[in-house]
Amino acid sequence: MNLNNSTNSNNSTDRMPVLFVGHGSPMNAIEENEFVQVWKKLGESLAKPKAIICISAHWETRGTQVTALPNPPTIHDFGGFSRELYEVKYPAPGSPELAKEAIKTISGSTVLPDEKWGLDHGAWSFLKHMYPKANVPVIEMSLDYNKTPKQHYELAKELASFREKGILIVGSGNIVHNLRRVAWDKADEDEYGFDWAFEANEIIKKLIFENRHQELINYPLLGKEVQMAVPTPDHYLPLLYALALKNGNEELSFFNDKAVMGSLTMTSLKIG
């Protein structure tokens, strides 16, 4: 696995890492490409978690919710893709117990259990490669669209204790995600990004690497390139959940750091 730009490590050997995964197109779930290969190697290299909490860009709600089903369904929350993609099932168990513990742990916000949502492609498209046996329980936590970025960041901090309990916390979105400007004719190219997409990605990576979280929370003030990269907050906010859980000088590494189709980046992050 090609993890680069590492900082000095100061983390507990018992503490689970935190991930931000640039999940990209749903087709990554059924393709064999360089991003998929890294996800597979990542799953093999990490200690097997007791469970996973995933904050997906694809579940926005009024108020914060957590999935509380013992057997969450695979949600195909997209349109216009191949039939094969709609046939994918990721039968990982849920964990009503973990959902209850999350609700109890988070005191700064009201969190409610949800028994309708399952696993959307913001979770299963990469988890099916990391844990192909679907033998790790997964719950999702929604993004409350009424919260400010600062409020999301503060909520995320309350999840820190789960890292010490063998729980893998994953934010899933994309740092650069502007679907209106996608270059569909460049979909088959190994890497293709517009100048503003590369610039925004580098601005955000630099701030991440330098632990300048307040500026990342106030991302609309980072200039027009970042404003183009983040036209809506849904795919960016999961990054703040991961960053909020960084502990001091923990090791920080970027992976899958590439632009695709002009206006998307797969840039991902491992903390710890």
Protein backbone atom coordinates (compact mmCIF):
# COMPACT_ATOMS: atom_id res chain seq x y z
CA MET A 1 0.00 0.00 0.00
CA ASN A 2 1.37 3.36 -1.01
CA LEU A 3 0.79 5.63 1.96
CA ASN A 4 2.80 8.81 1.71
CA ASN A 5 3.42 12.11 3.49
CA SER A 6 3.67 10.53 6.95
CA THR A 7 4.11 12.58 10.12
CA ASN A 8 5.67 11.30 13.33
CA SER A 9 3.71 8.63 15.16
CA ASN A 10 2.59 9.08 18.76
CA ASN A 11 -0.42 6.77 18.95
CA SER A 12 -1.33 3.89 21.20
CA THR A 13 -0.87 0.43 19.76
CA ASP A 14 -4.34 -0.44 21.06
CA ARG A 15 -6.10 2.53 19.51
CA MET A 16 -7.87 1.94 16.21
CA PRO A 17 -6.98 4.28 13.36
CA VAL A 18 -9.45 6.65 11.74
CA LEU A 19 -10.04 6.81 8.01
CA PHE A 20 -11.38 9.28 5.53
CA VAL A 21 -12.10 7.42 2.31
CA GLY A 22 -12.62 9.13 -1.02
CA HIS A 23 -15.13 6.62 -2.36
CA GLY A 24 -15.71 8.10 -5.82
CA SER A 25 -17.97 6.40 -8.34
CA PRO A 26 -20.20 3.51 -7.23
CA MET A 27 -18.56 1.52 -10.03
CA ASN A 28 -15.51 1.15 -7.81
CA ALA A 29 -17.54 -1.48 -6.00
CA ILE A 30 -17.32 -3.86 -8.96
CA GLU A 31 -14.20 -2.72 -10.79
CA GLU A 32 -10.60 -3.79 -10.34
CA ASN A 33 -8.52 -0.63 -10.30
CA GLU A 34 -5.72 0.95 -8.31
CA PHE A 35 -8.10 2.43 -5.74
CA VAL A 36 -9.71 -0.94 -5.11
CA GLN A 37 -6.30 -2.57 -4.71
CA VAL A 38 -5.36 -0.07 -2.01
CA TRP A 39 -8.64 -0.67 -0.18
CA LYS A 40 -7.97 -4.41 -0.22
CA LYS A 41 -4.45 -3.96 1.15
CA LEU A 42 -5.70 -1.53 3.76
CA GLY A 43 -8.22 -4.06 5.04
CA GLU A 44 -5.49 -6.70 5.23
CA SER A 45 -3.05 -4.41 7.05
CA LEU A 46 -5.36 -3.11 9.79
CA ALA A 47 -6.20 -5.01 12.94
CA LYS A 48 -9.67 -6.44 12.44
CA PRO A 49 -12.12 -4.02 14.08
CA LYS A 50 -14.87 -5.16 16.41
CA ALA A 51 -17.23 -2.93 14.43
CA ILE A 52 -17.27 0.06 12.08
CA ILE A 53 -18.97 3.43 12.41
CA CYS A 54 -19.27 5.02 8.97
CA ILE A 55 -20.23 8.65 8.39
CA SER A 56 -21.34 8.61 4.76
CA ALA A 57 -21.88 11.57 2.46
CA HIS A 58 -24.99 9.81 1.20
CA TRP A 59 -27.11 9.91 4.34
CA GLU A 60 -28.34 13.38 5.21
CA THR A 61 -31.15 13.82 7.72
CA ARG A 62 -32.89 16.32 9.95
CA GLY A 63 -31.12 15.65 13.22
CA THR A 64 -28.41 13.04 13.76
CA GLN A 65 -29.36 9.39 13.44
CA VAL A 66 -27.61 6.03 13.68
CA THR A 67 -28.67 2.81 12.01
CA ALA A 68 -30.01 0.34 14.56
CA LEU A 69 -30.97 -2.66 12.44
CA PRO A 70 -29.40 -6.07 13.15
CA ASN A 71 -29.29 -6.79 9.39
CA PRO A 72 -29.09 -3.55 7.40
CA PRO A 73 -30.08 -3.78 3.73
CA THR A 74 -27.75 -2.82 0.90
CA ILE A 75 -29.03 0.47 -0.52
CA HIS A 76 -28.47 1.24 -4.20
CA ASP A 77 -28.75 5.01 -3.92
CA PHE A 78 -27.81 5.99 -7.48
CA GLY A 79 -29.09 5.78 -11.03
CA GLY A 80 -27.87 5.11 -14.55
CA PHE A 81 -25.25 2.45 -13.83
CA SER A 82 -24.86 -1.12 -15.03
CA ARG A 83 -27.27 -3.83 -13.90
CA GLU A 84 -24.39 -5.68 -12.25
CA LEU A 85 -23.95 -2.84 -9.76
CA TYR A 86 -27.58 -3.03 -8.64
CA GLU A 87 -27.16 -6.72 -7.93
CA VAL A 88 -24.38 -6.15 -5.39
CA LYS A 89 -25.26 -7.12 -1.83
CA TYR A 90 -23.07 -6.42 1.17
CA PRO A 91 -24.63 -8.45 3.99
CA ALA A 92 -22.54 -7.13 6.88
CA PRO A 93 -24.45 -7.29 10.17
CA GLY A 94 -25.49 -4.16 11.96
CA SER A 95 -25.09 -3.56 15.67
CA PRO A 96 -28.07 -2.22 17.60
CA GLU A 97 -25.86 -2.43 20.70
CA LEU A 98 -23.24 -0.11 19.20
CA ALA A 99 -26.00 2.24 18.02
CA LYS A 100 -27.33 2.43 21.59
CA GLU A 101 -23.85 3.09 22.94
CA ALA A 102 -23.29 5.87 20.40
CA ILE A 103 -26.59 7.48 21.38
CA LYS A 104 -25.59 7.28 25.05
CA THR A 105 -22.05 8.55 24.47
CA ILE A 106 -22.93 11.66 22.47
CA SER A 107 -24.17 14.25 24.95
CA GLY A 108 -23.78 17.45 22.95
CA SER A 109 -26.41 16.49 20.36
CA THR A 110 -29.58 14.45 20.34
CA VAL A 111 -28.98 11.24 18.39
CA LEU A 112 -31.88 9.00 17.42
CA PRO A 113 -31.95 5.35 16.30
CA ASP A 114 -33.06 4.60 12.75
CA GLU A 115 -34.55 1.28 11.65
CA LYS A 116 -35.16 2.06 7.97
CA TRP A 117 -31.81 3.08 6.47
CA GLY A 118 -29.23 0.45 5.66
CA LEU A 119 -25.77 0.66 4.09
CA ASP A 120 -25.53 3.09 1.18
CA HIS A 121 -22.77 3.04 -1.41
CA GLY A 122 -20.81 5.56 0.62
CA ALA A 123 -20.15 2.62 2.93
CA TRP A 124 -20.38 -0.65 1.02
CA SER A 125 -18.59 0.38 -2.18
CA PHE A 126 -15.21 0.30 -0.40
CA LEU A 127 -16.02 -1.93 2.61
CA LYS A 128 -16.78 -4.83 0.29
CA HIS A 129 -13.13 -4.65 -0.78
CA MET A 130 -11.68 -4.04 2.67
CA TYR A 131 -13.76 -6.75 4.35
CA PRO A 132 -15.05 -8.99 1.55
CA LYS A 133 -16.41 -11.58 3.98
CA ALA A 134 -18.80 -8.95 5.36
CA ASN A 135 -18.00 -10.23 8.83
CA VAL A 136 -17.51 -6.90 10.61
CA PRO A 137 -20.64 -5.18 12.00
CA VAL A 138 -21.31 -1.78 10.44
CA ILE A 139 -23.47 1.10 11.56
CA GLU A 140 -23.90 4.42 9.78
CA MET A 141 -24.21 7.84 11.39
CA SER A 142 -26.10 10.44 9.39
CA LEU A 143 -25.14 14.01 8.56
CA ASP A 144 -27.57 16.49 10.10
CA TYR A 145 -28.04 19.07 7.36
CA ASN A 146 -29.02 21.70 9.95
CA LYS A 147 -25.64 21.56 11.70
CA THR A 148 -22.77 23.89 10.87
CA PRO A 149 -19.36 22.43 9.96
CA LYS A 150 -18.15 23.44 13.44
CA GLN A 151 -21.02 21.55 15.06
CA HIS A 152 -20.23 18.44 13.00
CA TYR A 153 -16.58 18.69 14.08
CA GLU A 154 -17.53 19.00 17.75
CA LEU A 155 -19.97 16.08 17.51
CA ALA A 156 -17.25 13.93 15.97
CA LYS A 157 -14.96 14.56 18.95
CA GLU A 158 -17.46 12.74 21.15
CA LEU A 159 -16.78 9.54 19.22
CA ALA A 160 -13.14 9.43 20.35
CA SER A 161 -13.66 6.82 23.07
CA PHE A 162 -14.79 4.26 20.51
CA ARG A 163 -11.27 4.17 19.06
CA GLU A 164 -10.08 2.64 22.32
CA LYS A 165 -12.76 -0.07 22.10
CA GLY A 166 -11.71 -1.61 18.79
CA ILE A 167 -14.11 0.43 16.66
CA LEU A 168 -12.97 1.69 13.26
CA ILE A 169 -14.44 5.11 12.46
CA VAL A 170 -14.61 6.03 8.78
CA GLY A 171 -15.68 9.24 7.10
CA SER A 172 -16.66 8.59 3.49
CA GLY A 173 -16.98 11.29 0.84
CA ASN A 174 -14.61 13.14 -1.51
CA ILE A 175 -12.45 16.19 -0.87
CA VAL A 176 -13.14 17.51 -4.38
CA HIS A 177 -16.64 16.62 -5.53
CA ASN A 178 -18.33 18.75 -8.17
CA LEU A 179 -20.63 16.55 -10.25
CA ARG A 180 -21.81 19.42 -12.42
CA ARG A 181 -18.31 19.81 -13.83
CA VAL A 182 -17.44 16.13 -14.32
CA ALA A 183 -15.58 15.41 -17.58
CA TRP A 184 -17.39 12.20 -18.49
CA ASP A 185 -15.29 11.86 -21.64
CA LYS A 186 -12.21 11.46 -19.42
CA ALA A 187 -13.67 8.65 -17.28
CA ASP A 188 -11.22 6.08 -18.66
CA GLU A 189 -8.09 8.16 -18.07
CA ASP A 190 -5.77 7.10 -15.24
CA GLU A 191 -5.74 10.62 -13.82
CA TYR A 192 -7.41 13.76 -15.03
CA GLY A 193 -8.18 16.89 -13.05
CA PHE A 194 -8.96 20.50 -13.82
CA ASP A 195 -6.43 23.02 -12.53
CA TRP A 196 -8.81 24.31 -9.85
CA ALA A 197 -9.45 20.74 -8.63
CA PHE A 198 -5.71 20.06 -8.20
CA GLU A 199 -5.23 23.43 -6.49
CA ALA A 200 -8.13 22.88 -4.07
CA ASN A 201 -6.92 19.39 -3.25
CA GLU A 202 -3.42 20.67 -2.46
CA ILE A 203 -4.74 23.56 -0.34
CA ILE A 204 -6.84 21.19 1.76
CA LYS A 205 -4.07 18.57 2.06
CA LYS A 206 -1.61 21.22 3.27
CA LEU A 207 -4.03 22.41 5.95
CA ILE A 208 -4.69 18.81 7.01
CA PHE A 209 -0.99 18.07 7.27
CA GLU A 210 -0.39 21.20 9.32
CA ASN A 211 -3.34 20.48 11.68
CA ARG A 212 -5.03 23.76 10.73
CA HIS A 213 -8.47 22.43 11.46
CA GLN A 214 -10.17 25.76 12.13
CA GLU A 215 -9.42 26.87 8.58
CA LEU A 216 -10.74 23.56 7.26
CA ILE A 217 -13.93 24.03 9.26
CA ASN A 218 -14.30 27.48 7.65
CA TYR A 219 -13.62 26.05 4.19
CA PRO A 220 -15.82 28.54 2.25
CA LEU A 221 -13.21 31.19 3.13
CA LEU A 222 -10.38 29.25 1.44
CA GLY A 223 -10.89 30.80 -1.99
CA LYS A 224 -12.70 30.15 -5.25
CA GLU A 225 -10.86 26.88 -6.01
CA VAL A 226 -12.13 25.31 -2.78
CA GLN A 227 -15.58 26.78 -3.34
CA MET A 228 -15.67 25.04 -6.72
CA ALA A 229 -14.35 21.83 -5.19
CA VAL A 230 -16.97 21.85 -2.41
CA PRO A 231 -20.18 23.25 -3.94
CA THR A 232 -22.23 21.36 -1.36
CA PRO A 233 -21.04 20.17 2.08
CA ASP A 234 -22.20 16.53 1.96
CA HIS A 235 -18.98 14.97 0.62
CA TYR A 236 -16.71 17.30 2.61
CA LEU A 237 -18.19 17.00 6.10
CA PRO A 238 -17.10 13.35 6.59
CA LEU A 239 -13.52 14.63 6.34
CA LEU A 240 -14.14 16.86 9.37
CA TYR A 241 -15.37 13.83 11.34
CA ALA A 242 -12.05 12.09 10.70
CA LEU A 243 -9.92 15.14 11.47
CA ALA A 244 -11.74 15.82 14.74
CA LEU A 245 -10.57 12.42 15.98
CA LYS A 246 -6.87 13.06 15.39
CA ASN A 247 -5.00 12.84 18.68
CA GLY A 248 -1.99 15.12 18.99
CA ASN A 249 0.91 14.11 16.77
CA GLU A 250 -0.57 10.86 15.51
CA GLU A 251 0.75 9.51 12.24
CA LEU A 252 -1.13 10.95 9.28
CA SER A 253 -0.92 9.51 5.77
CA PHE A 254 -2.61 10.22 2.45
CA PHE A 255 -3.48 7.47 -0.03
CA ASN A 256 -5.32 7.12 -3.36
CA ASP A 257 -4.30 10.73 -3.94
CA LYS A 258 -5.51 11.20 -7.51
CA ALA A 259 -7.97 13.31 -9.47
CA VAL A 260 -10.45 11.61 -11.78
CA MET A 261 -12.93 12.89 -14.37
CA GLY A 262 -11.74 16.45 -13.90
CA SER A 263 -13.70 17.47 -10.83
CA LEU A 264 -13.34 14.58 -8.35
CA THR A 265 -10.44 13.50 -6.16
CA MET A 266 -10.05 10.10 -4.55
CA THR A 267 -7.64 11.53 -1.95
CA SER A 268 -7.99 9.59 1.29
CA LEU A 269 -6.52 9.81 4.76
CA LYS A 270 -5.39 7.44 7.49
CA ILE A 271 -4.87 8.72 11.03
CA GLY A 272 -3.03 6.50 13.49
